[in-house]
Amino acid sequence: MNGWEAFAASPGWFVVWTVGTGFAVALALRGLAALVVAFRTRGGT
């Protein structure tokens, strides 16, 4: 068993995937919130 197989068999990949996905979602939500704020500031609904 090489290092990659040991890593894939461990929960480490799930942690990396969860953190990566969570970061991407947080970044998307932050960008969406910034767009909403900018839209409202310009006199939108």
PDB file of N, CA and C in Angstrom:
ATOM      1  N   MET A   1       0.848  -1.193   0.000  1.00  0.00           N
ATOM      2  CA  MET A   1       0.000   0.000   0.000  1.00  0.00           C
ATOM      3  C   MET A   1       0.882   1.241   0.000  1.00  0.00           C
ATOM      4  N   ASN A   2       0.729   2.064  -1.043  1.00  0.00           N
ATOM      5  CA  ASN A   2       1.544   3.274  -1.103  1.00  0.00           C
ATOM      6  C   ASN A   2       0.859   4.416  -0.357  1.00  0.00           C
ATOM      7  N   GLY A   3       1.470   5.568  -0.350  1.00  0.00           N
ATOM      8  CA  GLY A   3       0.942   6.709   0.398  1.00  0.00           C
ATOM      9  C   GLY A   3      -0.427   7.143  -0.089  1.00  0.00           C
ATOM     10  N   TRP A   4      -0.622   7.152  -1.429  1.00  0.00           N
ATOM     11  CA  TRP A   4      -1.907   7.610  -1.967  1.00  0.00           C
ATOM     12  C   TRP A   4      -3.039   6.667  -1.569  1.00  0.00           C
ATOM     13  N   GLU A   5      -2.773   5.348  -1.611  1.00  0.00           N
ATOM     14  CA  GLU A   5      -3.800   4.379  -1.235  1.00  0.00           C
ATOM     15  C   GLU A   5      -4.156   4.520   0.242  1.00  0.00           C
ATOM     16  N   ALA A   6      -3.136   4.773   1.059  1.00  0.00           N
ATOM     17  CA  ALA A   6      -3.374   4.954   2.485  1.00  0.00           C
ATOM     18  C   ALA A   6      -4.203   6.211   2.716  1.00  0.00           C
ATOM     19  N   PHE A   7      -3.911   7.250   1.942  1.00  0.00           N
ATOM     20  CA  PHE A   7      -4.653   8.510   2.069  1.00  0.00           C
ATOM     21  C   PHE A   7      -6.096   8.328   1.606  1.00  0.00           C
ATOM     22  N   ALA A   8      -6.284   7.631   0.474  1.00  0.00           N
ATOM     23  CA  ALA A   8      -7.621   7.421  -0.068  1.00  0.00           C
ATOM     24  C   ALA A   8      -8.458   6.542   0.860  1.00  0.00           C
ATOM     25  N   ALA A   9      -7.810   5.615   1.575  1.00  0.00           N
ATOM     26  CA  ALA A   9      -8.530   4.713   2.472  1.00  0.00           C
ATOM     27  C   ALA A   9      -8.866   5.405   3.795  1.00  0.00           C
ATOM     28  N   SER A  10      -8.190   6.498   4.086  1.00  0.00           N
ATOM     29  CA  SER A  10      -8.430   7.218   5.334  1.00  0.00           C
ATOM     30  C   SER A  10      -9.524   8.261   5.131  1.00  0.00           C
ATOM     31  N   PRO A  11     -10.073   8.804   6.208  1.00  0.00           N
ATOM     32  CA  PRO A  11     -11.086   9.848   6.081  1.00  0.00           C
ATOM     33  C   PRO A  11     -10.488  11.197   5.690  1.00  0.00           C
ATOM     34  N   GLY A  12      -9.184  11.237   5.470  1.00  0.00           N
ATOM     35  CA  GLY A  12      -8.530  12.495   5.118  1.00  0.00           C
ATOM     36  C   GLY A  12      -9.080  13.124   3.855  1.00  0.00           C
ATOM     37  N   TRP A  13      -9.371  12.296   2.835  1.00  0.00           N
ATOM     38  CA  TRP A  13      -9.905  12.840   1.573  1.00  0.00           C
ATOM     39  C   TRP A  13     -11.253  13.492   1.809  1.00  0.00           C
ATOM     40  N   PHE A  14     -12.045  12.928   2.724  1.00  0.00           N
ATOM     41  CA  PHE A  14     -13.366  13.499   3.012  1.00  0.00           C
ATOM     42  C   PHE A  14     -13.225  14.856   3.694  1.00  0.00           C
ATOM     43  N   VAL A  15     -12.231  14.962   4.581  1.00  0.00           N
ATOM     44  CA  VAL A  15     -11.985  16.233   5.266  1.00  0.00           C
ATOM     45  C   VAL A  15     -11.568  17.291   4.254  1.00  0.00           C
ATOM     46  N   VAL A  16     -10.648  16.921   3.361  1.00  0.00           N
ATOM     47  CA  VAL A  16     -10.179  17.861   2.340  1.00  0.00           C
ATOM     48  C   VAL A  16     -11.330  18.283   1.435  1.00  0.00           C
ATOM     49  N   TRP A  17     -12.171  17.309   1.023  1.00  0.00           N
ATOM     50  CA  TRP A  17     -13.296  17.609   0.142  1.00  0.00           C
ATOM     51  C   TRP A  17     -14.312  18.506   0.840  1.00  0.00           C
ATOM     52  N   THR A  18     -14.569  18.207   2.136  1.00  0.00           N
ATOM     53  CA  THR A  18     -15.543  19.001   2.897  1.00  0.00           C
ATOM     54  C   THR A  18     -15.059  20.433   3.074  1.00  0.00           C
ATOM     55  N   VAL A  19     -13.784  20.585   3.453  1.00  0.00           N
ATOM     56  CA  VAL A  19     -13.224  21.922   3.642  1.00  0.00           C
ATOM     57  C   VAL A  19     -13.210  22.679   2.316  1.00  0.00           C
ATOM     58  N   GLY A  20     -12.791  22.006   1.258  1.00  0.00           N
ATOM     59  CA  GLY A  20     -12.724  22.653  -0.055  1.00  0.00           C
ATOM     60  C   GLY A  20     -14.102  23.083  -0.543  1.00  0.00           C
ATOM     61  N   THR A  21     -15.090  22.197  -0.382  1.00  0.00           N
ATOM     62  CA  THR A  21     -16.449  22.518  -0.807  1.00  0.00           C
ATOM     63  C   THR A  21     -17.027  23.637   0.055  1.00  0.00           C
ATOM     64  N   GLY A  22     -16.803  23.543   1.361  1.00  0.00           N
ATOM     65  CA  GLY A  22     -17.305  24.576   2.272  1.00  0.00           C
ATOM     66  C   GLY A  22     -16.708  25.936   1.951  1.00  0.00           C
ATOM     67  N   PHE A  23     -15.423  25.952   1.620  1.00  0.00           N
ATOM     68  CA  PHE A  23     -14.761  27.211   1.277  1.00  0.00           C
ATOM     69  C   PHE A  23     -15.336  27.779  -0.012  1.00  0.00           C
ATOM     70  N   ALA A  24     -15.556  26.916  -0.998  1.00  0.00           N
ATOM     71  CA  ALA A  24     -16.112  27.374  -2.274  1.00  0.00           C
ATOM     72  C   ALA A  24     -17.526  27.916  -2.092  1.00  0.00           C
ATOM     73  N   VAL A  25     -18.339  27.228  -1.287  1.00  0.00           N
ATOM     74  CA  VAL A  25     -19.709  27.677  -1.034  1.00  0.00           C
ATOM     75  C   VAL A  25     -19.701  29.010  -0.285  1.00  0.00           C
ATOM     76  N   ALA A  26     -18.831  29.119   0.730  1.00  0.00           N
ATOM     77  CA  ALA A  26     -18.754  30.362   1.500  1.00  0.00           C
ATOM     78  C   ALA A  26     -18.328  31.521   0.596  1.00  0.00           C
ATOM     79  N   LEU A  27     -17.375  31.248  -0.301  1.00  0.00           N
ATOM     80  CA  LEU A  27     -16.897  32.289  -1.208  1.00  0.00           C
ATOM     81  C   LEU A  27     -18.024  32.710  -2.161  1.00  0.00           C
ATOM     82  N   ALA A  28     -18.789  31.740  -2.643  1.00  0.00           N
ATOM     83  CA  ALA A  28     -19.906  32.042  -3.550  1.00  0.00           C
ATOM     84  C   ALA A  28     -20.982  32.852  -2.831  1.00  0.00           C
ATOM     85  N   LEU A  29     -21.300  32.459  -1.596  1.00  0.00           N
ATOM     86  CA  LEU A  29     -22.306  33.191  -0.828  1.00  0.00           C
ATOM     87  C   LEU A  29     -21.834  34.606  -0.520  1.00  0.00           C
ATOM     88  N   ARG A  30     -20.542  34.754  -0.232  1.00  0.00           N
ATOM     89  CA  ARG A  30     -20.001  36.074   0.059  1.00  0.00           C
ATOM     90  C   ARG A  30     -20.103  36.970  -1.184  1.00  0.00           C
ATOM     91  N   GLY A  31     -19.794  36.400  -2.347  1.00  0.00           N
ATOM     92  CA  GLY A  31     -19.884  37.166  -3.578  1.00  0.00           C
ATOM     93  C   GLY A  31     -21.329  37.529  -3.894  1.00  0.00           C
ATOM     94  N   LEU A  32     -22.249  36.587  -3.655  1.00  0.00           N
ATOM     95  CA  LEU A  32     -23.666  36.841  -3.900  1.00  0.00           C
ATOM     96  C   LEU A  32     -24.177  37.936  -2.967  1.00  0.00           C
ATOM     97  N   ALA A  33     -23.776  37.873  -1.701  1.00  0.00           N
ATOM     98  CA  ALA A  33     -24.187  38.895  -0.732  1.00  0.00           C
ATOM     99  C   ALA A  33     -23.654  40.266  -1.146  1.00  0.00           C
ATOM    100  N   ALA A  34     -22.416  40.300  -1.647  1.00  0.00           N
ATOM    101  CA  ALA A  34     -21.821  41.565  -2.082  1.00  0.00           C
ATOM    102  C   ALA A  34     -22.605  42.137  -3.265  1.00  0.00           C
ATOM    103  N   LEU A  35     -23.055  41.273  -4.167  1.00  0.00           N
ATOM    104  CA  LEU A  35     -23.848  41.727  -5.312  1.00  0.00           C
ATOM    105  C   LEU A  35     -25.190  42.281  -4.849  1.00  0.00           C
ATOM    106  N   VAL A  36     -25.814  41.607  -3.888  1.00  0.00           N
ATOM    107  CA  VAL A  36     -27.104  42.063  -3.366  1.00  0.00           C
ATOM    108  C   VAL A  36     -26.956  43.422  -2.700  1.00  0.00           C
ATOM    109  N   VAL A  37     -25.920  43.581  -1.898  1.00  0.00           N
ATOM    110  CA  VAL A  37     -25.674  44.857  -1.215  1.00  0.00           C
ATOM    111  C   VAL A  37     -25.425  45.960  -2.243  1.00  0.00           C
ATOM    112  N   ALA A  38     -24.609  45.665  -3.257  1.00  0.00           N
ATOM    113  CA  ALA A  38     -24.314  46.658  -4.293  1.00  0.00           C
ATOM    114  C   ALA A  38     -25.586  47.029  -5.055  1.00  0.00           C
ATOM    115  N   PHE A  39     -26.423  46.039  -5.322  1.00  0.00           N
ATOM    116  CA  PHE A  39     -27.665  46.291  -6.055  1.00  0.00           C
ATOM    117  C   PHE A  39     -28.598  47.178  -5.233  1.00  0.00           C
ATOM    118  N   ARG A  40     -28.730  46.875  -3.940  1.00  0.00           N
ATOM    119  CA  ARG A  40     -29.609  47.665  -3.080  1.00  0.00           C
ATOM    120  C   ARG A  40     -29.064  49.079  -2.901  1.00  0.00           C
ATOM    121  N   THR A  41     -27.742  49.198  -2.821  1.00  0.00           N
ATOM    122  CA  THR A  41     -27.131  50.511  -2.632  1.00  0.00           C
ATOM    123  C   THR A  41     -27.390  51.406  -3.849  1.00  0.00           C
ATOM    124  N   ARG A  42     -27.513  50.778  -5.031  1.00  0.00           N
ATOM    125  CA  ARG A  42     -27.741  51.561  -6.254  1.00  0.00           C
ATOM    126  C   ARG A  42     -29.212  51.932  -6.424  1.00  0.00           C
ATOM    127  N   GLY A  43     -30.042  51.600  -5.448  1.00  0.00           N
ATOM    128  CA  GLY A  43     -31.447  51.990  -5.529  1.00  0.00           C
ATOM    129  C   GLY A  43     -32.332  50.907  -6.107  1.00  0.00           C
ATOM    130  N   GLY A  44     -31.912  49.658  -5.973  1.00  0.00           N
ATOM    131  CA  GLY A  44     -32.731  48.553  -6.449  1.00  0.00           C
ATOM    132  C   GLY A  44     -33.851  48.288  -5.459  1.00  0.00           C
ATOM    133  N   THR A  45     -34.557  47.166  -5.646  1.00  0.00           N
ATOM    134  CA  THR A  45     -35.680  46.866  -4.758  1.00  0.00           C
ATOM    135  C   THR A  45     -35.216  46.665  -3.350  1.00  0.00           C
TER     136      THR A  45
END
